[in-house]
Amino acid sequence: MTATTKTTRIACAMALVLTWHSVASAQSAPSAPAVPEAPTVSAAPEAPATSRPADAAGLGVAEPLASAPAEAEAAPAAVAEPAAEPVTVEPATPAQTAQAAVTRAQGFLADGGPSIWAIAALSVITVALILWKIWRFVLAGAWSRRASARAVDEWEAGRHEAALAMVSSRKGLRSRMTAAAMRARLTLPEPAAREETARVASRLLASQGGGLRALELIATIAPLLGLLGTVLGMIAAFQALQEAGNRADPALLAGGIWEALLTTAAGMAVAIPASIGLTWADSVIDRVRGDMQDLAARIFVAAQGRDTALPEQDDVRSLAAE
């Protein structure tokens, strides 16, 4: 037997021994427990199964993530929650509105100082005067001109008694002046009749001028009172700023200024309606004055034409008698 053959036999024997030893080791080792398969979730087929990472022993067991189905079930529940109802604001009642207005007015009077109280009194007087003037104009027939115009038309046509009867019982300014002019022209000479007509017209117009001077005074002094209140408020604001010293707050000065300006605004708010009312009343009286002048001129012109015609008829009659 050669050395090569011996070496080959030794190698084969060693391989057989190693093989037998490996088989014996494999049979003696405990078998690994069977791992059940992961159940399939039918409720959410689209959700992929998430497997945990392999444990420290090296067993790569795949387990489904238990929180995935819970999150899938919680999502519809969150969507199904009802939306919050919109908040509805109830409108304020008239009593609440009036109470709020009274509160604002009280705060306005408290912040404005003494000047605002005087301006508030002037505002009440202004409203009262304007309403009183409207009432007086209505009673005096300041806008009634049809009856006097018809009476003058009758006078120009020569029907004196009918013309006087149309205006003798009326209370309007134009009708009363027209009736006075017709009576004066029938009973007095022309110069005296003109003076009497002018006296009656002036008295009627003067009776409607009451209250106008008061409106003019309010329109003049209301802005001055507002300016006085503003100056006093500014003085108080700067005094408070000086007393504060280094700890002066610009908000303190700003608050004092806007409170002081309240009186100026209030004074203008009173003066503007007073000026408007005064101008309107003057325009009404001016229109009545112009209508009176026109009516009186027509009465005297018509009477003067008849007076000049009558002497000519007398001359003709005297010449005929001779």
C-alpha atoms as a PDB file:
ATOM      1  CA  MET A   1       0.000   0.000   0.000  1.00  0.00           C
ATOM      2  CA  THR A   2       1.482   3.288  -0.974  1.00  0.00           C
ATOM      3  CA  ALA A   3       1.554   6.460   1.134  1.00  0.00           C
ATOM      4  CA  THR A   4      -0.991   8.201  -1.088  1.00  0.00           C
ATOM      5  CA  THR A   5      -3.555   5.491  -0.580  1.00  0.00           C
ATOM      6  CA  LYS A   6      -3.085   5.639   3.170  1.00  0.00           C
ATOM      7  CA  THR A   7      -3.517   9.388   3.188  1.00  0.00           C
ATOM      8  CA  THR A   8      -6.739   9.098   1.155  1.00  0.00           C
ATOM      9  CA  ARG A   9      -8.163   6.522   3.493  1.00  0.00           C
ATOM     10  CA  ILE A  10      -7.350   8.655   6.534  1.00  0.00           C
ATOM     11  CA  ALA A  11      -9.087  11.686   4.940  1.00  0.00           C
ATOM     12  CA  CYS A  12     -12.224   9.642   4.138  1.00  0.00           C
ATOM     13  CA  ALA A  13     -12.327   8.283   7.678  1.00  0.00           C
ATOM     14  CA  MET A  14     -12.035  11.746   9.140  1.00  0.00           C
ATOM     15  CA  ALA A  15     -14.867  13.024   6.854  1.00  0.00           C
ATOM     16  CA  LEU A  16     -17.103  10.141   7.969  1.00  0.00           C
ATOM     17  CA  VAL A  17     -16.383  10.937  11.614  1.00  0.00           C
ATOM     18  CA  LEU A  18     -17.202  14.632  11.137  1.00  0.00           C
ATOM     19  CA  THR A  19     -20.417  13.786   9.308  1.00  0.00           C
ATOM     20  CA  TRP A  20     -21.559  11.408  11.994  1.00  0.00           C
ATOM     21  CA  HIS A  21     -20.735  13.944  14.681  1.00  0.00           C
ATOM     22  CA  SER A  22     -22.795  16.664  12.909  1.00  0.00           C
ATOM     23  CA  VAL A  23     -25.800  14.324  12.570  1.00  0.00           C
ATOM     24  CA  ALA A  24     -25.600  13.337  16.216  1.00  0.00           C
ATOM     25  CA  SER A  25     -25.423  16.987  17.295  1.00  0.00           C
ATOM     26  CA  ALA A  26     -28.432  17.881  15.182  1.00  0.00           C
ATOM     27  CA  GLN A  27     -30.527  15.053  16.676  1.00  0.00           C
ATOM     28  CA  SER A  28     -29.613  15.962  20.247  1.00  0.00           C
ATOM     29  CA  ALA A  29     -30.536  19.767  19.856  1.00  0.00           C
ATOM     30  CA  PRO A  30     -34.180  20.778  20.885  1.00  0.00           C
ATOM     31  CA  SER A  31     -36.460  21.662  18.048  1.00  0.00           C
ATOM     32  CA  ALA A  32     -37.750  25.298  17.736  1.00  0.00           C
ATOM     33  CA  PRO A  33     -41.446  25.862  18.491  1.00  0.00           C
ATOM     34  CA  ALA A  34     -43.760  26.397  15.569  1.00  0.00           C
ATOM     35  CA  VAL A  35     -44.724  30.027  15.024  1.00  0.00           C
ATOM     36  CA  PRO A  36     -48.359  30.604  14.073  1.00  0.00           C
ATOM     37  CA  GLU A  37     -49.116  32.625  10.999  1.00  0.00           C
ATOM     38  CA  ALA A  38     -50.303  36.223  11.376  1.00  0.00           C
ATOM     39  CA  PRO A  39     -54.088  36.480  11.093  1.00  0.00           C
ATOM     40  CA  THR A  40     -55.497  38.552   8.242  1.00  0.00           C
ATOM     41  CA  VAL A  41     -57.654  41.542   9.224  1.00  0.00           C
ATOM     42  CA  SER A  42     -60.717  41.622   6.953  1.00  0.00           C
ATOM     43  CA  ALA A  43     -62.143  44.925   8.290  1.00  0.00           C
ATOM     44  CA  ALA A  44     -59.313  46.974   6.826  1.00  0.00           C
ATOM     45  CA  PRO A  45     -57.775  45.131   3.877  1.00  0.00           C
ATOM     46  CA  GLU A  46     -56.049  48.199   2.553  1.00  0.00           C
ATOM     47  CA  ALA A  47     -53.988  48.737   5.729  1.00  0.00           C
ATOM     48  CA  PRO A  48     -50.561  47.068   5.340  1.00  0.00           C
ATOM     49  CA  ALA A  49     -49.405  44.720   8.074  1.00  0.00           C
ATOM     50  CA  THR A  50     -46.577  46.225  10.037  1.00  0.00           C
ATOM     51  CA  SER A  51     -44.102  43.725  11.396  1.00  0.00           C
ATOM     52  CA  ARG A  52     -41.979  44.197  14.469  1.00  0.00           C
ATOM     53  CA  PRO A  53     -38.210  43.995  14.173  1.00  0.00           C
ATOM     54  CA  ALA A  54     -36.503  40.678  14.974  1.00  0.00           C
ATOM     55  CA  ASP A  55     -35.914  39.999  18.647  1.00  0.00           C
ATOM     56  CA  ALA A  56     -32.593  39.496  20.301  1.00  0.00           C
ATOM     57  CA  ALA A  57     -32.793  35.661  19.929  1.00  0.00           C
ATOM     58  CA  GLY A  58     -32.734  36.036  16.150  1.00  0.00           C
ATOM     59  CA  LEU A  59     -36.302  34.849  15.556  1.00  0.00           C
ATOM     60  CA  GLY A  60     -37.793  37.093  12.869  1.00  0.00           C
ATOM     61  CA  VAL A  61     -41.428  36.695  13.936  1.00  0.00           C
ATOM     62  CA  ALA A  62     -43.781  39.100  12.104  1.00  0.00           C
ATOM     63  CA  GLU A  63     -46.642  40.459  14.266  1.00  0.00           C
ATOM     64  CA  PRO A  64     -49.390  42.849  13.070  1.00  0.00           C
ATOM     65  CA  LEU A  65     -49.496  46.350  14.575  1.00  0.00           C
ATOM     66  CA  ALA A  66     -52.449  46.397  16.944  1.00  0.00           C
ATOM     67  CA  SER A  67     -52.904  50.240  16.893  1.00  0.00           C
ATOM     68  CA  ALA A  68     -53.609  50.411  13.132  1.00  0.00           C
ATOM     69  CA  PRO A  69     -57.212  49.094  13.317  1.00  0.00           C
ATOM     70  CA  ALA A  70     -57.933  51.309  16.315  1.00  0.00           C
ATOM     71  CA  GLU A  71     -56.785  54.415  14.442  1.00  0.00           C
ATOM     72  CA  ALA A  72     -58.841  53.374  11.423  1.00  0.00           C
ATOM     73  CA  GLU A  73     -61.932  53.093  13.619  1.00  0.00           C
ATOM     74  CA  ALA A  74     -61.276  56.404  15.415  1.00  0.00           C
ATOM     75  CA  ALA A  75     -61.028  58.423  12.176  1.00  0.00           C
ATOM     76  CA  PRO A  76     -64.745  58.074  11.174  1.00  0.00           C
ATOM     77  CA  ALA A  77     -65.780  58.832  14.740  1.00  0.00           C
ATOM     78  CA  ALA A  78     -63.912  62.157  14.629  1.00  0.00           C
ATOM     79  CA  VAL A  79     -65.520  63.096  11.325  1.00  0.00           C
ATOM     80  CA  ALA A  80     -68.981  62.230  12.604  1.00  0.00           C
ATOM     81  CA  GLU A  81     -68.878  64.865  15.365  1.00  0.00           C
ATOM     82  CA  PRO A  82     -71.551  67.581  14.775  1.00  0.00           C
ATOM     83  CA  ALA A  83     -70.383  71.090  13.878  1.00  0.00           C
ATOM     84  CA  ALA A  84     -70.672  73.838  16.457  1.00  0.00           C
ATOM     85  CA  GLU A  85     -73.868  75.904  16.146  1.00  0.00           C
ATOM     86  CA  PRO A  86     -73.358  79.574  15.153  1.00  0.00           C
ATOM     87  CA  VAL A  87     -73.836  82.114  17.909  1.00  0.00           C
ATOM     88  CA  THR A  88     -76.834  84.357  17.212  1.00  0.00           C
ATOM     89  CA  VAL A  89     -76.888  87.885  18.647  1.00  0.00           C
ATOM     90  CA  GLU A  90     -80.346  89.015  19.645  1.00  0.00           C
ATOM     91  CA  PRO A  91     -81.245  92.594  18.616  1.00  0.00           C
ATOM     92  CA  ALA A  92     -81.440  95.140  21.387  1.00  0.00           C
ATOM     93  CA  THR A  93     -84.890  96.075  22.608  1.00  0.00           C
ATOM     94  CA  PRO A  94     -86.079  99.719  22.518  1.00  0.00           C
ATOM     95  CA  ALA A  95     -85.729  99.888  26.285  1.00  0.00           C
ATOM     96  CA  GLN A  96     -82.108  98.737  26.101  1.00  0.00           C
ATOM     97  CA  THR A  97     -81.366 101.218  23.315  1.00  0.00           C
ATOM     98  CA  ALA A  98     -82.884 104.067  25.315  1.00  0.00           C
ATOM     99  CA  GLN A  99     -80.937 103.060  28.417  1.00  0.00           C
ATOM    100  CA  ALA A 100     -77.681 102.986  26.442  1.00  0.00           C
ATOM    101  CA  ALA A 101     -78.416 106.439  24.999  1.00  0.00           C
ATOM    102  CA  VAL A 102     -79.116 107.839  28.469  1.00  0.00           C
ATOM    103  CA  THR A 103     -75.874 106.339  29.769  1.00  0.00           C
ATOM    104  CA  ARG A 104     -73.857 107.880  26.930  1.00  0.00           C
ATOM    105  CA  ALA A 105     -75.512 111.255  27.482  1.00  0.00           C
ATOM    106  CA  GLN A 106     -74.701 111.176  31.185  1.00  0.00           C
ATOM    107  CA  GLY A 107     -71.079 110.332  30.457  1.00  0.00           C
ATOM    108  CA  PHE A 108     -70.945 113.116  27.866  1.00  0.00           C
ATOM    109  CA  LEU A 109     -72.273 115.667  30.359  1.00  0.00           C
ATOM    110  CA  ALA A 110     -69.907 114.451  33.068  1.00  0.00           C
ATOM    111  CA  ASP A 111     -66.836 114.706  30.826  1.00  0.00           C
ATOM    112  CA  GLY A 112     -67.701 118.102  29.326  1.00  0.00           C
ATOM    113  CA  GLY A 113     -67.792 120.144  32.518  1.00  0.00           C
ATOM    114  CA  PRO A 114     -69.895 123.279  33.209  1.00  0.00           C
ATOM    115  CA  SER A 115     -69.767 124.521  29.622  1.00  0.00           C
ATOM    116  CA  ILE A 116     -71.457 121.406  28.294  1.00  0.00           C
ATOM    117  CA  TRP A 117     -74.374 121.931  30.682  1.00  0.00           C
ATOM    118  CA  ALA A 118     -74.920 125.449  29.346  1.00  0.00           C
ATOM    119  CA  ILE A 119     -74.720 124.181  25.766  1.00  0.00           C
ATOM    120  CA  ALA A 120     -77.206 121.420  26.579  1.00  0.00           C
ATOM    121  CA  ALA A 121     -79.654 124.016  27.918  1.00  0.00           C
ATOM    122  CA  LEU A 122     -79.214 126.079  24.752  1.00  0.00           C
ATOM    123  CA  SER A 123     -79.929 123.008  22.627  1.00  0.00           C
ATOM    124  CA  VAL A 124     -83.251 122.470  24.406  1.00  0.00           C
ATOM    125  CA  ILE A 125     -84.159 126.144  23.942  1.00  0.00           C
ATOM    126  CA  THR A 126     -83.223 125.968  20.254  1.00  0.00           C
ATOM    127  CA  VAL A 127     -85.457 122.989  19.574  1.00  0.00           C
ATOM    128  CA  ALA A 128     -88.316 124.623  21.473  1.00  0.00           C
ATOM    129  CA  LEU A 129     -87.958 127.888  19.538  1.00  0.00           C
ATOM    130  CA  ILE A 130     -87.901 126.181  16.145  1.00  0.00           C
ATOM    131  CA  LEU A 131     -91.004 124.131  16.932  1.00  0.00           C
ATOM    132  CA  TRP A 132     -92.748 127.210  18.297  1.00  0.00           C
ATOM    133  CA  LYS A 133     -91.972 129.196  15.140  1.00  0.00           C
ATOM    134  CA  ILE A 134     -93.352 126.434  12.938  1.00  0.00           C
ATOM    135  CA  TRP A 135     -96.550 126.385  15.003  1.00  0.00           C
ATOM    136  CA  ARG A 136     -96.892 130.175  14.800  1.00  0.00           C
ATOM    137  CA  PHE A 137     -96.393 130.191  11.051  1.00  0.00           C
ATOM    138  CA  VAL A 138     -99.039 127.525  10.590  1.00  0.00           C
ATOM    139  CA  LEU A 139    -101.569 129.437  12.697  1.00  0.00           C
ATOM    140  CA  ALA A 140    -100.783 132.708  10.884  1.00  0.00           C
ATOM    141  CA  GLY A 141    -101.267 131.125   7.458  1.00  0.00           C
ATOM    142  CA  ALA A 142     -97.762 131.946   6.318  1.00  0.00           C
ATOM    143  CA  TRP A 143     -98.139 129.568   3.368  1.00  0.00           C
ATOM    144  CA  SER A 144    -101.758 130.491   2.479  1.00  0.00           C
ATOM    145  CA  ARG A 145    -101.959 132.928  -0.392  1.00  0.00           C
ATOM    146  CA  ARG A 146    -104.777 131.689  -2.635  1.00  0.00           C
ATOM    147  CA  ALA A 147    -107.668 133.510  -0.888  1.00  0.00           C
ATOM    148  CA  SER A 148    -105.952 136.907  -0.907  1.00  0.00           C
ATOM    149  CA  ALA A 149    -104.972 136.516  -4.564  1.00  0.00           C
ATOM    150  CA  ARG A 150    -108.591 135.758  -5.551  1.00  0.00           C
ATOM    151  CA  ALA A 151    -109.843 138.713  -3.484  1.00  0.00           C
ATOM    152  CA  VAL A 152    -107.463 141.111  -5.257  1.00  0.00           C
ATOM    153  CA  ASP A 153    -108.599 139.732  -8.610  1.00  0.00           C
ATOM    154  CA  GLU A 154    -112.194 140.556  -7.644  1.00  0.00           C
ATOM    155  CA  TRP A 155    -111.096 144.026  -6.508  1.00  0.00           C
ATOM    156  CA  GLU A 156    -109.389 144.715  -9.819  1.00  0.00           C
ATOM    157  CA  ALA A 157    -112.565 143.604 -11.590  1.00  0.00           C
ATOM    158  CA  GLY A 158    -114.541 146.267  -9.702  1.00  0.00           C
ATOM    159  CA  ARG A 159    -116.449 143.954  -7.325  1.00  0.00           C
ATOM    160  CA  HIS A 160    -115.323 145.603  -4.119  1.00  0.00           C
ATOM    161  CA  GLU A 161    -117.891 144.161  -1.753  1.00  0.00           C
ATOM    162  CA  ALA A 162    -117.287 140.602  -2.943  1.00  0.00           C
ATOM    163  CA  ALA A 163    -113.539 141.060  -2.687  1.00  0.00           C
ATOM    164  CA  LEU A 164    -113.775 142.400   0.875  1.00  0.00           C
ATOM    165  CA  ALA A 165    -116.130 139.610   1.918  1.00  0.00           C
ATOM    166  CA  MET A 166    -113.652 136.967   0.734  1.00  0.00           C
ATOM    167  CA  VAL A 167    -110.879 138.094   3.121  1.00  0.00           C
ATOM    168  CA  SER A 168    -112.677 139.835   5.982  1.00  0.00           C
ATOM    169  CA  SER A 169    -113.180 136.652   8.012  1.00  0.00           C
ATOM    170  CA  ARG A 170    -109.831 134.991   7.335  1.00  0.00           C
ATOM    171  CA  LYS A 171    -106.912 134.932   9.811  1.00  0.00           C
ATOM    172  CA  GLY A 172    -103.971 134.657   7.437  1.00  0.00           C
ATOM    173  CA  LEU A 173    -101.325 137.356   7.270  1.00  0.00           C
ATOM    174  CA  ARG A 174    -101.944 138.171   3.605  1.00  0.00           C
ATOM    175  CA  SER A 175    -105.721 138.097   3.972  1.00  0.00           C
ATOM    176  CA  ARG A 176    -105.694 140.410   7.012  1.00  0.00           C
ATOM    177  CA  MET A 177    -103.449 142.939   5.264  1.00  0.00           C
ATOM    178  CA  THR A 178    -105.572 142.766   2.100  1.00  0.00           C
ATOM    179  CA  ALA A 179    -108.776 143.383   4.045  1.00  0.00           C
ATOM    180  CA  ALA A 180    -107.184 146.355   5.890  1.00  0.00           C
ATOM    181  CA  ALA A 181    -105.976 147.880   2.612  1.00  0.00           C
ATOM    182  CA  MET A 182    -109.410 147.551   0.986  1.00  0.00           C
ATOM    183  CA  ARG A 183    -111.200 149.131   3.965  1.00  0.00           C
ATOM    184  CA  ALA A 184    -108.671 151.972   4.117  1.00  0.00           C
ATOM    185  CA  ARG A 185    -108.979 152.625   0.409  1.00  0.00           C
ATOM    186  CA  LEU A 186    -112.765 152.733   0.587  1.00  0.00           C
ATOM    187  CA  THR A 187    -112.977 154.995   3.649  1.00  0.00           C
ATOM    188  CA  LEU A 188    -109.823 157.137   3.638  1.00  0.00           C
ATOM    189  CA  PRO A 189    -108.008 159.365   1.166  1.00  0.00           C
ATOM    190  CA  GLU A 190    -105.173 157.746  -0.727  1.00  0.00           C
ATOM    191  CA  PRO A 191    -102.250 159.087   1.393  1.00  0.00           C
ATOM    192  CA  ALA A 192    -103.949 158.126   4.642  1.00  0.00           C
ATOM    193  CA  ALA A 193    -104.979 154.770   3.202  1.00  0.00           C
ATOM    194  CA  ARG A 194    -101.378 154.010   2.251  1.00  0.00           C
ATOM    195  CA  GLU A 195    -100.143 154.905   5.734  1.00  0.00           C
ATOM    196  CA  GLU A 196    -102.792 152.748   7.342  1.00  0.00           C
ATOM    197  CA  THR A 197    -101.941 149.804   5.086  1.00  0.00           C
ATOM    198  CA  ALA A 198     -98.221 150.121   5.875  1.00  0.00           C
ATOM    199  CA  ARG A 199     -98.962 150.283   9.627  1.00  0.00           C
ATOM    200  CA  VAL A 200    -101.059 147.106   9.550  1.00  0.00           C
ATOM    201  CA  ALA A 201     -98.508 145.243   7.443  1.00  0.00           C
ATOM    202  CA  SER A 202     -95.642 146.228   9.742  1.00  0.00           C
ATOM    203  CA  ARG A 203     -97.581 145.125  12.833  1.00  0.00           C
ATOM    204  CA  LEU A 204     -98.434 141.748  11.277  1.00  0.00           C
ATOM    205  CA  LEU A 205     -94.843 141.103  10.243  1.00  0.00           C
ATOM    206  CA  ALA A 206     -93.498 142.198  13.620  1.00  0.00           C
ATOM    207  CA  SER A 207     -95.786 139.718  15.357  1.00  0.00           C
ATOM    208  CA  GLN A 208     -94.121 136.914  13.409  1.00  0.00           C
ATOM    209  CA  GLY A 209     -90.592 138.038  14.237  1.00  0.00           C
ATOM    210  CA  GLY A 210     -90.707 136.844  17.830  1.00  0.00           C
ATOM    211  CA  GLY A 211     -88.005 134.364  18.795  1.00  0.00           C
ATOM    212  CA  LEU A 212     -85.721 135.225  15.910  1.00  0.00           C
ATOM    213  CA  ARG A 213     -83.391 137.301  18.065  1.00  0.00           C
ATOM    214  CA  ALA A 214     -83.097 134.447  20.514  1.00  0.00           C
ATOM    215  CA  LEU A 215     -82.133 132.053  17.715  1.00  0.00           C
ATOM    216  CA  GLU A 216     -79.580 134.558  16.462  1.00  0.00           C
ATOM    217  CA  LEU A 217     -78.109 134.880  19.962  1.00  0.00           C
ATOM    218  CA  ILE A 218     -77.856 131.094  20.377  1.00  0.00           C
ATOM    219  CA  ALA A 219     -76.197 130.722  16.985  1.00  0.00           C
ATOM    220  CA  THR A 220     -73.612 133.283  18.098  1.00  0.00           C
ATOM    221  CA  ILE A 221     -72.797 132.245  21.664  1.00  0.00           C
ATOM    222  CA  ALA A 222     -73.016 128.444  21.381  1.00  0.00           C
ATOM    223  CA  PRO A 223     -69.652 128.114  19.537  1.00  0.00           C
ATOM    224  CA  LEU A 224     -68.104 130.593  21.977  1.00  0.00           C
ATOM    225  CA  LEU A 225     -69.251 128.512  24.939  1.00  0.00           C
ATOM    226  CA  GLY A 226     -67.800 125.426  23.278  1.00  0.00           C
ATOM    227  CA  LEU A 227     -64.499 127.182  22.723  1.00  0.00           C
ATOM    228  CA  LEU A 228     -64.471 128.344  26.343  1.00  0.00           C
ATOM    229  CA  GLY A 229     -64.997 124.784  27.546  1.00  0.00           C
ATOM    230  CA  THR A 230     -62.166 123.575  25.310  1.00  0.00           C
ATOM    231  CA  VAL A 231     -59.766 126.180  26.674  1.00  0.00           C
ATOM    232  CA  LEU A 232     -60.672 125.310  30.261  1.00  0.00           C
ATOM    233  CA  GLY A 233     -60.234 121.601  29.541  1.00  0.00           C
ATOM    234  CA  MET A 234     -56.836 122.175  27.955  1.00  0.00           C
ATOM    235  CA  ILE A 235     -55.730 124.189  30.986  1.00  0.00           C
ATOM    236  CA  ALA A 236     -56.779 121.357  33.300  1.00  0.00           C
ATOM    237  CA  ALA A 237     -55.015 118.764  31.129  1.00  0.00           C
ATOM    238  CA  PHE A 238     -51.718 120.643  31.125  1.00  0.00           C
ATOM    239  CA  GLN A 239     -51.949 121.231  34.859  1.00  0.00           C
ATOM    240  CA  ALA A 240     -52.328 117.494  35.418  1.00  0.00           C
ATOM    241  CA  LEU A 241     -49.380 116.869  33.097  1.00  0.00           C
ATOM    242  CA  GLN A 242     -47.231 119.313  35.043  1.00  0.00           C
ATOM    243  CA  GLU A 243     -48.141 117.730  38.373  1.00  0.00           C
ATOM    244  CA  ALA A 244     -47.128 114.310  37.035  1.00  0.00           C
ATOM    245  CA  GLY A 245     -43.567 115.564  36.498  1.00  0.00           C
ATOM    246  CA  ASN A 246     -41.151 112.947  35.184  1.00  0.00           C
ATOM    247  CA  ARG A 247     -43.856 110.303  35.412  1.00  0.00           C
ATOM    248  CA  ALA A 248     -45.961 112.134  32.847  1.00  0.00           C
ATOM    249  CA  ASP A 249     -48.038 109.864  30.637  1.00  0.00           C
ATOM    250  CA  PRO A 250     -48.886 111.080  27.108  1.00  0.00           C
ATOM    251  CA  ALA A 251     -52.191 109.204  27.391  1.00  0.00           C
ATOM    252  CA  LEU A 252     -53.165 111.559  30.217  1.00  0.00           C
ATOM    253  CA  LEU A 253     -52.683 114.581  27.988  1.00  0.00           C
ATOM    254  CA  ALA A 254     -54.517 112.946  25.086  1.00  0.00           C
ATOM    255  CA  GLY A 255     -57.487 112.060  27.292  1.00  0.00           C
ATOM    256  CA  GLY A 256     -57.725 115.615  28.592  1.00  0.00           C
ATOM    257  CA  ILE A 257     -57.582 117.053  25.074  1.00  0.00           C
ATOM    258  CA  TRP A 258     -60.357 114.922  23.615  1.00  0.00           C
ATOM    259  CA  GLU A 259     -62.574 115.587  26.623  1.00  0.00           C
ATOM    260  CA  ALA A 260     -61.981 119.305  26.172  1.00  0.00           C
ATOM    261  CA  LEU A 261     -62.821 119.152  22.471  1.00  0.00           C
ATOM    262  CA  LEU A 262     -66.226 117.702  23.300  1.00  0.00           C
ATOM    263  CA  THR A 263     -67.501 121.149  24.229  1.00  0.00           C
ATOM    264  CA  THR A 264     -66.421 122.646  20.892  1.00  0.00           C
ATOM    265  CA  ALA A 265     -68.211 119.919  18.989  1.00  0.00           C
ATOM    266  CA  ALA A 266     -71.316 120.349  21.144  1.00  0.00           C
ATOM    267  CA  GLY A 267     -71.325 124.113  20.634  1.00  0.00           C
ATOM    268  CA  MET A 268     -71.153 123.709  16.873  1.00  0.00           C
ATOM    269  CA  ALA A 269     -73.853 121.045  16.961  1.00  0.00           C
ATOM    270  CA  VAL A 270     -76.178 123.554  18.643  1.00  0.00           C
ATOM    271  CA  ALA A 271     -75.184 126.615  16.616  1.00  0.00           C
ATOM    272  CA  ILE A 272     -75.726 124.974  13.214  1.00  0.00           C
ATOM    273  CA  PRO A 273     -79.428 124.074  13.731  1.00  0.00           C
ATOM    274  CA  ALA A 274     -80.055 127.468  15.327  1.00  0.00           C
ATOM    275  CA  SER A 275     -78.541 129.249  12.326  1.00  0.00           C
ATOM    276  CA  ILE A 276     -80.532 127.076   9.916  1.00  0.00           C
ATOM    277  CA  GLY A 277     -83.771 127.759  11.797  1.00  0.00           C
ATOM    278  CA  LEU A 278     -83.082 131.496  11.861  1.00  0.00           C
ATOM    279  CA  THR A 279     -82.387 131.636   8.131  1.00  0.00           C
ATOM    280  CA  TRP A 280     -85.486 129.599   7.332  1.00  0.00           C
ATOM    281  CA  ALA A 281     -87.756 131.805   9.483  1.00  0.00           C
ATOM    282  CA  ASP A 282     -86.321 134.959   7.892  1.00  0.00           C
ATOM    283  CA  SER A 283     -86.986 133.554   4.431  1.00  0.00           C
ATOM    284  CA  VAL A 284     -90.620 132.800   5.319  1.00  0.00           C
ATOM    285  CA  ILE A 285     -91.156 136.327   6.659  1.00  0.00           C
ATOM    286  CA  ASP A 286     -89.439 137.881   3.635  1.00  0.00           C
ATOM    287  CA  ARG A 287     -91.735 135.953   1.306  1.00  0.00           C
ATOM    288  CA  VAL A 288     -94.802 137.123   3.234  1.00  0.00           C
ATOM    289  CA  ARG A 289     -93.510 140.713   3.131  1.00  0.00           C
ATOM    290  CA  GLY A 290     -93.037 140.554  -0.624  1.00  0.00           C
ATOM    291  CA  ASP A 291     -96.534 139.144  -1.162  1.00  0.00           C
ATOM    292  CA  MET A 292     -98.024 141.889   1.015  1.00  0.00           C
ATOM    293  CA  GLN A 293     -96.288 144.600  -0.970  1.00  0.00           C
ATOM    294  CA  ASP A 294     -97.510 143.100  -4.228  1.00  0.00           C
ATOM    295  CA  LEU A 295    -101.116 142.806  -3.037  1.00  0.00           C
ATOM    296  CA  ALA A 296    -101.178 146.353  -1.622  1.00  0.00           C
ATOM    297  CA  ALA A 297     -99.716 147.795  -4.830  1.00  0.00           C
ATOM    298  CA  ARG A 298    -102.367 146.037  -6.938  1.00  0.00           C
ATOM    299  CA  ILE A 299    -105.177 147.358  -4.700  1.00  0.00           C
ATOM    300  CA  PHE A 300    -104.034 150.976  -4.861  1.00  0.00           C
ATOM    301  CA  VAL A 301    -103.222 150.881  -8.560  1.00  0.00           C
ATOM    302  CA  ALA A 302    -106.698 149.537  -9.369  1.00  0.00           C
ATOM    303  CA  ALA A 303    -108.376 152.172  -7.178  1.00  0.00           C
ATOM    304  CA  GLN A 304    -106.256 154.976  -8.615  1.00  0.00           C
ATOM    305  CA  GLY A 305    -107.312 154.036 -12.132  1.00  0.00           C
ATOM    306  CA  ARG A 306    -110.985 154.303 -11.180  1.00  0.00           C
ATOM    307  CA  ASP A 307    -110.436 157.606  -9.401  1.00  0.00           C
ATOM    308  CA  THR A 308    -108.867 159.149 -12.520  1.00  0.00           C
ATOM    309  CA  ALA A 309    -111.691 157.856 -14.699  1.00  0.00           C
ATOM    310  CA  LEU A 310    -114.502 159.259 -12.576  1.00  0.00           C
ATOM    311  CA  PRO A 311    -113.596 163.000 -12.971  1.00  0.00           C
ATOM    312  CA  GLU A 312    -113.567 162.616 -16.735  1.00  0.00           C
ATOM    313  CA  GLN A 313    -117.120 161.239 -16.626  1.00  0.00           C
ATOM    314  CA  ASP A 314    -118.217 164.168 -14.438  1.00  0.00           C
ATOM    315  CA  ASP A 315    -116.695 166.643 -16.899  1.00  0.00           C
ATOM    316  CA  VAL A 316    -118.561 164.996 -19.722  1.00  0.00           C
ATOM    317  CA  ARG A 317    -121.824 165.183 -17.782  1.00  0.00           C
ATOM    318  CA  SER A 318    -121.277 168.871 -16.922  1.00  0.00           C
ATOM    319  CA  LEU A 319    -120.498 169.730 -20.475  1.00  0.00           C
ATOM    320  CA  ALA A 320    -123.608 167.892 -21.620  1.00  0.00           C
ATOM    321  CA  ALA A 321    -125.727 169.770 -19.103  1.00  0.00           C
ATOM    322  CA  GLU A 322    -124.448 173.146 -20.299  1.00  0.00           C
END
